[in-house]
Amino acid sequence: MALQFQLVKIDTPQFAIINDGEFNNPLQIDFEINFAIDNNLSAIKNTLKVVYMNANEPVMQLVIDCCYAISPDSWKEITASDKSIVAPAGFLQHLTALTIGVTRGVLHSKTEGTNLNKFILPLIDISEIVKNDMVISPPPTKVR
C-alpha cells in the first residue's frame, strides 16, 4: 500500500541548552517518538524528543513536531470505523526517518557557534523502534 502524504508543518515547541560546556566523554542521547492524528486535517503528527545527557545530567533538550497531511484517498484507506487509523509500520518508519532528518537540521542550526554543535544526532535504527502496524487515535500513542 503506497500512502500519499506531504510534510506540511514543522514546529520546535521546545529547545534548551542547559550546559554548553566541554565534555570529555561522549554524551548519552535519550529519545522518545510519539504519533498523533488529526481527523479534521487528515494528518499524522510525528513528535521526536531528544535529550543529550552527561553523567545523568541533561545538557540539551529538543522537541520537534512534524505534521504530515495524508491524501484523502490514502486517509480513507487507513481509517477505521472508530475514527482511529491503522498505520503500516513501514509508513511510520518512513515518517520517523524524515522527522529525524529534520531534527538533525534544527539541531545544527540551533547549536551553531556552541560547543554542542559537534554532537550530531547519530543514525537510529527505526525498525527497532517501530516494529508493527499501529492503531493511532487521539490522544497520542507513545512508541518509546
Protein backbone atom coordinates (compact mmCIF):
# COMPACT_ATOMS: atom_id res chain seq x y z
CA MET A 1 0.00 0.00 0.00
CA ALA A 2 1.59 3.29 -1.13
CA LEU A 3 0.19 6.08 1.01
CA GLN A 4 0.36 9.59 -0.40
CA PHE A 5 1.44 12.32 2.03
CA GLN A 6 3.15 15.68 2.31
CA LEU A 7 5.17 17.33 5.09
CA VAL A 8 3.12 20.47 5.78
CA LYS A 9 4.40 21.85 9.08
CA ILE A 10 7.49 21.77 11.30
CA ASP A 11 7.37 23.09 14.87
CA THR A 12 10.01 23.31 17.57
CA PRO A 13 7.90 23.52 20.74
CA GLN A 14 10.93 23.04 22.96
CA PHE A 15 14.64 23.77 22.72
CA ALA A 16 17.03 24.35 25.59
CA ILE A 17 20.77 24.34 26.04
CA ILE A 18 21.27 23.61 29.73
CA ASN A 19 25.07 23.25 29.75
CA ASP A 20 27.30 24.35 26.87
CA GLY A 21 30.50 23.11 28.48
CA GLU A 22 33.32 20.96 27.18
CA PHE A 23 32.70 17.25 27.75
CA ASN A 24 35.44 14.60 27.99
CA ASN A 25 33.14 11.65 27.35
CA PRO A 26 30.54 11.09 24.64
CA LEU A 27 27.10 12.34 25.57
CA GLN A 28 24.28 9.84 26.06
CA ILE A 29 21.26 10.52 23.85
CA ASP A 30 17.77 9.63 25.02
CA PHE A 31 14.86 9.97 22.64
CA GLU A 32 11.13 9.43 22.53
CA ILE A 33 8.90 9.11 19.47
CA ASN A 34 5.15 9.75 19.50
CA PHE A 35 2.38 9.78 16.91
CA ALA A 36 -0.96 11.58 16.96
CA ILE A 37 -3.70 12.11 14.40
CA ASP A 38 -5.96 14.97 13.44
CA ASN A 39 -9.03 13.57 11.71
CA ASN A 40 -10.21 17.06 10.68
CA LEU A 41 -6.99 17.68 8.77
CA SER A 42 -6.36 14.05 7.72
CA ALA A 43 -2.91 14.38 9.20
CA ILE A 44 -0.40 12.50 11.32
CA LYS A 45 1.86 14.40 13.71
CA ASN A 46 5.18 12.76 14.48
CA THR A 47 6.93 14.13 17.57
CA LEU A 48 10.56 13.44 18.40
CA LYS A 49 12.00 14.40 21.78
CA VAL A 50 15.79 14.27 22.11
CA VAL A 51 17.70 14.79 25.35
CA TYR A 52 21.50 14.87 25.43
CA MET A 53 22.84 13.70 28.81
CA ASN A 54 26.23 13.96 30.50
CA ALA A 55 26.57 11.67 33.53
CA ASN A 56 22.77 11.60 34.01
CA GLU A 57 22.56 15.40 33.83
CA PRO A 58 20.65 16.92 30.91
CA VAL A 59 22.80 19.09 28.67
CA MET A 60 20.38 19.90 25.82
CA GLN A 61 16.76 19.11 25.05
CA LEU A 62 14.80 19.43 21.83
CA VAL A 63 11.25 18.56 20.77
CA ILE A 64 10.32 18.58 17.07
CA ASP A 65 6.80 18.15 15.68
CA CYS A 66 6.39 17.27 12.00
CA CYS A 67 2.86 17.29 10.61
CA TYR A 68 2.19 15.12 7.56
CA ALA A 69 -1.02 15.68 5.59
CA ILE A 70 -2.32 12.43 4.12
CA SER A 71 -4.17 12.46 0.80
CA PRO A 72 -7.96 11.88 1.09
CA ASP A 73 -7.78 8.51 -0.68
CA SER A 74 -4.91 7.29 1.50
CA TRP A 75 -6.62 8.57 4.66
CA LYS A 76 -9.73 6.61 3.72
CA GLU A 77 -7.59 3.50 3.23
CA ILE A 78 -6.18 3.59 6.76
CA THR A 79 -9.17 4.97 8.73
CA ALA A 80 -11.13 2.54 10.90
CA SER A 81 -14.82 2.86 11.77
CA ASP A 82 -14.00 4.40 15.17
CA LYS A 83 -12.02 7.26 13.51
CA SER A 84 -8.69 5.77 14.57
CA ILE A 85 -6.21 4.90 11.86
CA VAL A 86 -4.26 1.73 11.27
CA ALA A 87 -0.87 2.93 10.06
CA PRO A 88 1.52 0.43 8.48
CA ALA A 89 4.85 0.06 10.30
CA GLY A 90 6.85 0.81 7.15
CA PHE A 91 4.96 4.06 6.62
CA LEU A 92 5.52 5.17 10.23
CA GLN A 93 9.20 4.26 9.92
CA HIS A 94 9.42 6.46 6.82
CA LEU A 95 7.75 9.41 8.58
CA THR A 96 10.06 8.95 11.56
CA ALA A 97 13.14 8.90 9.31
CA LEU A 98 12.01 12.21 7.81
CA THR A 99 11.38 13.69 11.26
CA ILE A 100 14.83 12.58 12.44
CA GLY A 101 16.39 14.28 9.40
CA VAL A 102 14.51 17.49 10.19
CA THR A 103 15.71 17.21 13.80
CA ARG A 104 19.34 16.95 12.70
CA GLY A 105 18.97 20.15 10.70
CA VAL A 106 17.28 22.00 13.56
CA LEU A 107 19.98 20.82 15.99
CA HIS A 108 22.73 22.03 13.68
CA SER A 109 21.08 25.41 13.22
CA LYS A 110 20.24 25.94 16.90
CA THR A 111 23.70 24.90 18.15
CA GLU A 112 25.83 26.80 15.64
CA GLY A 113 28.57 28.66 17.49
CA THR A 114 28.25 26.47 20.61
CA ASN A 115 30.29 23.53 21.93
CA LEU A 116 27.26 21.29 21.36
CA ASN A 117 27.35 21.72 17.57
CA LYS A 118 29.78 18.78 17.27
CA PHE A 119 27.25 16.37 18.85
CA ILE A 120 25.30 15.24 15.80
CA LEU A 121 22.22 13.06 16.26
CA PRO A 122 23.54 9.61 15.26
CA LEU A 123 21.93 7.13 12.91
CA ILE A 124 18.96 5.41 14.54
CA ASP A 125 17.61 2.00 13.52
CA ILE A 126 13.95 2.94 13.29
CA SER A 127 12.93 -0.65 12.54
CA GLU A 128 13.93 -1.48 16.12
CA ILE A 129 11.58 1.20 17.46
CA VAL A 130 8.54 0.98 15.19
CA LYS A 131 8.17 -2.76 14.64
CA ASN A 132 4.47 -3.25 13.92
CA ASP A 133 1.49 -1.58 12.33
CA MET A 134 -0.01 0.82 14.82
CA VAL A 135 -3.54 1.87 15.68
CA ILE A 136 -3.43 5.60 16.37
CA SER A 137 -6.28 7.55 17.87
CA PRO A 138 -6.31 10.74 19.90
CA PRO A 139 -4.61 11.18 22.37
CA PRO A 140 -1.10 10.39 21.04
CA THR A 141 0.15 6.82 21.04
CA LYS A 142 3.57 6.59 22.68
CA VAL A 143 6.15 4.44 20.92
CA ARG A 144 9.11 4.77 23.19
